Amino acid sequence: IDNILERSIIHIILHFLVPFIVAKTAWKELWLRPFIIMTLTFVIDFDHFLAEPVFDPNRCSLGFHPLHSWPAIGIYLVSLFSPRLRIIAIGLLIHMVLDGTDCFWTD
């Protein structure tokens, strides 16, 4: 397996593993709903379809895609203060942190 494919597989796994760990830690027995909600925030990657090419393993998503922009991240941070949006905000911020790690691995 080449380095880019390996990184991509690990990246996708982390998008499920990290929300699972957060949900199990923060919500104990009631972890399933928060886990599903945080995992569903993965749909934020639909903004990748606006880019050419859609997938570039060496592109830093943060600041490039509209829903990965700094103003959007600010909205996700502010959403932490809303009890109704908190789980979604946590999921989106986890997603941004994980996507941000790609910024350090560009070739």
C-alpha atoms as a PDB file:
ATOM      1  CA  ILE A   1       0.000   0.000   0.000  1.00  0.00           C
ATOM      2  CA  ASP A   2       1.403   3.363  -0.934  1.00  0.00           C
ATOM      3  CA  ASN A   3       1.669   6.196   1.568  1.00  0.00           C
ATOM      4  CA  ILE A   4      -1.276   8.219   0.214  1.00  0.00           C
ATOM      5  CA  LEU A   5      -3.673   5.258   0.266  1.00  0.00           C
ATOM      6  CA  GLU A   6      -2.515   4.289   3.757  1.00  0.00           C
ATOM      7  CA  ARG A   7      -3.023   7.854   5.025  1.00  0.00           C
ATOM      8  CA  SER A   8      -6.485   8.011   3.429  1.00  0.00           C
ATOM      9  CA  ILE A   9      -7.589   4.740   5.017  1.00  0.00           C
ATOM     10  CA  ILE A  10      -6.348   5.822   8.453  1.00  0.00           C
ATOM     11  CA  HIS A  11      -8.057   9.197   7.988  1.00  0.00           C
ATOM     12  CA  ILE A  12     -11.437   7.598   7.239  1.00  0.00           C
ATOM     13  CA  ILE A  13     -11.107   5.172  10.170  1.00  0.00           C
ATOM     14  CA  LEU A  14     -10.365   8.093  12.507  1.00  0.00           C
ATOM     15  CA  HIS A  15     -13.549   9.863  11.348  1.00  0.00           C
ATOM     16  CA  PHE A  16     -15.462   6.972  12.941  1.00  0.00           C
ATOM     17  CA  LEU A  17     -13.118   6.034  15.781  1.00  0.00           C
ATOM     18  CA  VAL A  18     -12.694   9.486  17.360  1.00  0.00           C
ATOM     19  CA  PRO A  19     -16.467  10.225  17.568  1.00  0.00           C
ATOM     20  CA  PHE A  20     -16.940   6.720  19.014  1.00  0.00           C
ATOM     21  CA  ILE A  21     -14.350   7.365  21.730  1.00  0.00           C
ATOM     22  CA  VAL A  22     -15.782  10.816  22.502  1.00  0.00           C
ATOM     23  CA  ALA A  23     -19.349   9.466  22.649  1.00  0.00           C
ATOM     24  CA  LYS A  24     -18.422   6.510  24.864  1.00  0.00           C
ATOM     25  CA  THR A  25     -16.429   8.784  27.170  1.00  0.00           C
ATOM     26  CA  ALA A  26     -18.850  11.707  27.435  1.00  0.00           C
ATOM     27  CA  TRP A  27     -22.212   9.941  27.272  1.00  0.00           C
ATOM     28  CA  LYS A  28     -21.357   6.535  28.801  1.00  0.00           C
ATOM     29  CA  GLU A  29     -24.413   4.247  28.388  1.00  0.00           C
ATOM     30  CA  LEU A  30     -26.225   6.759  26.164  1.00  0.00           C
ATOM     31  CA  TRP A  31     -23.377   6.915  23.637  1.00  0.00           C
ATOM     32  CA  LEU A  32     -25.113   5.579  20.501  1.00  0.00           C
ATOM     33  CA  ARG A  33     -27.206   8.656  19.563  1.00  0.00           C
ATOM     34  CA  PRO A  34     -24.318  11.142  19.998  1.00  0.00           C
ATOM     35  CA  PHE A  35     -22.023   8.789  18.067  1.00  0.00           C
ATOM     36  CA  ILE A  36     -24.463   8.563  15.159  1.00  0.00           C
ATOM     37  CA  ILE A  37     -25.007  12.340  15.127  1.00  0.00           C
ATOM     38  CA  MET A  38     -21.274  13.060  15.221  1.00  0.00           C
ATOM     39  CA  THR A  39     -20.634  10.486  12.490  1.00  0.00           C
ATOM     40  CA  LEU A  40     -23.353  12.016  10.308  1.00  0.00           C
ATOM     41  CA  THR A  41     -21.478  15.321  10.355  1.00  0.00           C
ATOM     42  CA  PHE A  42     -19.284  13.582   7.781  1.00  0.00           C
ATOM     43  CA  VAL A  43     -21.782  14.957   5.212  1.00  0.00           C
ATOM     44  CA  ILE A  44     -19.916  18.235   5.543  1.00  0.00           C
ATOM     45  CA  ASP A  45     -17.503  16.744   3.015  1.00  0.00           C
ATOM     46  CA  PHE A  46     -20.058  17.325   0.263  1.00  0.00           C
ATOM     47  CA  ASP A  47     -18.332  20.676  -0.206  1.00  0.00           C
ATOM     48  CA  HIS A  48     -15.430  18.710  -1.698  1.00  0.00           C
ATOM     49  CA  PHE A  49     -17.586  18.234  -4.805  1.00  0.00           C
ATOM     50  CA  LEU A  50     -17.128  21.952  -5.500  1.00  0.00           C
ATOM     51  CA  ALA A  51     -13.371  21.463  -5.906  1.00  0.00           C
ATOM     52  CA  GLU A  52     -11.375  20.331  -8.909  1.00  0.00           C
ATOM     53  CA  PRO A  53     -10.204  17.655  -8.445  1.00  0.00           C
ATOM     54  CA  VAL A  54     -12.820  16.466  -5.946  1.00  0.00           C
ATOM     55  CA  PHE A  55     -10.190  14.483  -4.029  1.00  0.00           C
ATOM     56  CA  ASP A  56      -6.616  15.631  -3.706  1.00  0.00           C
ATOM     57  CA  PRO A  57      -4.717  13.772  -0.990  1.00  0.00           C
ATOM     58  CA  ASN A  58      -2.182  16.586  -0.794  1.00  0.00           C
ATOM     59  CA  ARG A  59      -4.717  19.400  -0.346  1.00  0.00           C
ATOM     60  CA  CYS A  60      -5.344  20.981   3.041  1.00  0.00           C
ATOM     61  CA  SER A  61      -9.141  21.137   3.374  1.00  0.00           C
ATOM     62  CA  LEU A  62      -9.082  23.815   6.064  1.00  0.00           C
ATOM     63  CA  GLY A  63      -9.552  27.206   4.493  1.00  0.00           C
ATOM     64  CA  PHE A  64     -10.062  25.641   1.052  1.00  0.00           C
ATOM     65  CA  HIS A  65     -13.579  24.189   1.034  1.00  0.00           C
ATOM     66  CA  PRO A  66     -16.504  26.459   2.032  1.00  0.00           C
ATOM     67  CA  LEU A  67     -17.704  24.317   4.949  1.00  0.00           C
ATOM     68  CA  HIS A  68     -14.079  23.881   6.062  1.00  0.00           C
ATOM     69  CA  SER A  69     -13.414  27.641   6.032  1.00  0.00           C
ATOM     70  CA  TRP A  70     -12.313  29.620   9.059  1.00  0.00           C
ATOM     71  CA  PRO A  71     -15.645  31.512   9.299  1.00  0.00           C
ATOM     72  CA  ALA A  72     -17.500  28.170   9.204  1.00  0.00           C
ATOM     73  CA  ILE A  73     -15.223  26.791  11.929  1.00  0.00           C
ATOM     74  CA  GLY A  74     -16.041  29.900  13.987  1.00  0.00           C
ATOM     75  CA  ILE A  75     -19.743  29.096  13.636  1.00  0.00           C
ATOM     76  CA  TYR A  76     -19.072  25.513  14.770  1.00  0.00           C
ATOM     77  CA  LEU A  77     -17.232  26.858  17.827  1.00  0.00           C
ATOM     78  CA  VAL A  78     -20.063  29.248  18.725  1.00  0.00           C
ATOM     79  CA  SER A  79     -22.548  26.374  18.259  1.00  0.00           C
ATOM     80  CA  LEU A  80     -20.908  24.603  21.207  1.00  0.00           C
ATOM     81  CA  PHE A  81     -22.798  27.041  23.451  1.00  0.00           C
ATOM     82  CA  SER A  82     -26.181  25.846  22.182  1.00  0.00           C
ATOM     83  CA  PRO A  83     -27.361  22.712  23.991  1.00  0.00           C
ATOM     84  CA  ARG A  84     -29.429  21.765  20.922  1.00  0.00           C
ATOM     85  CA  LEU A  85     -26.455  22.045  18.562  1.00  0.00           C
ATOM     86  CA  ARG A  86     -23.662  20.916  20.872  1.00  0.00           C
ATOM     87  CA  ILE A  87     -23.327  17.300  19.657  1.00  0.00           C
ATOM     88  CA  ILE A  88     -23.378  18.433  16.025  1.00  0.00           C
ATOM     89  CA  ALA A  89     -20.797  21.130  16.801  1.00  0.00           C
ATOM     90  CA  ILE A  90     -18.552  18.603  18.528  1.00  0.00           C
ATOM     91  CA  GLY A  91     -18.819  16.303  15.515  1.00  0.00           C
ATOM     92  CA  LEU A  92     -18.000  19.127  13.109  1.00  0.00           C
ATOM     93  CA  LEU A  93     -15.040  20.279  15.191  1.00  0.00           C
ATOM     94  CA  ILE A  94     -13.702  16.732  15.457  1.00  0.00           C
ATOM     95  CA  HIS A  95     -13.994  16.563  11.685  1.00  0.00           C
ATOM     96  CA  MET A  96     -12.108  19.848  11.283  1.00  0.00           C
ATOM     97  CA  VAL A  97      -9.309  18.703  13.619  1.00  0.00           C
ATOM     98  CA  LEU A  98      -8.965  15.415  11.751  1.00  0.00           C
ATOM     99  CA  ASP A  99      -8.992  17.186   8.385  1.00  0.00           C
ATOM    100  CA  GLY A 100      -6.466  19.638   9.799  1.00  0.00           C
ATOM    101  CA  THR A 101      -4.033  16.797  10.429  1.00  0.00           C
ATOM    102  CA  ASP A 102      -3.916  16.308   6.651  1.00  0.00           C
ATOM    103  CA  CYS A 103      -2.404  19.780   6.387  1.00  0.00           C
ATOM    104  CA  PHE A 104       0.748  18.442   8.040  1.00  0.00           C
ATOM    105  CA  TRP A 105       1.010  15.372   5.804  1.00  0.00           C
ATOM    106  CA  THR A 106       0.904  16.969   2.370  1.00  0.00           C
ATOM    107  CA  ASP A 107       3.647  15.677   0.070  1.00  0.00           C
END
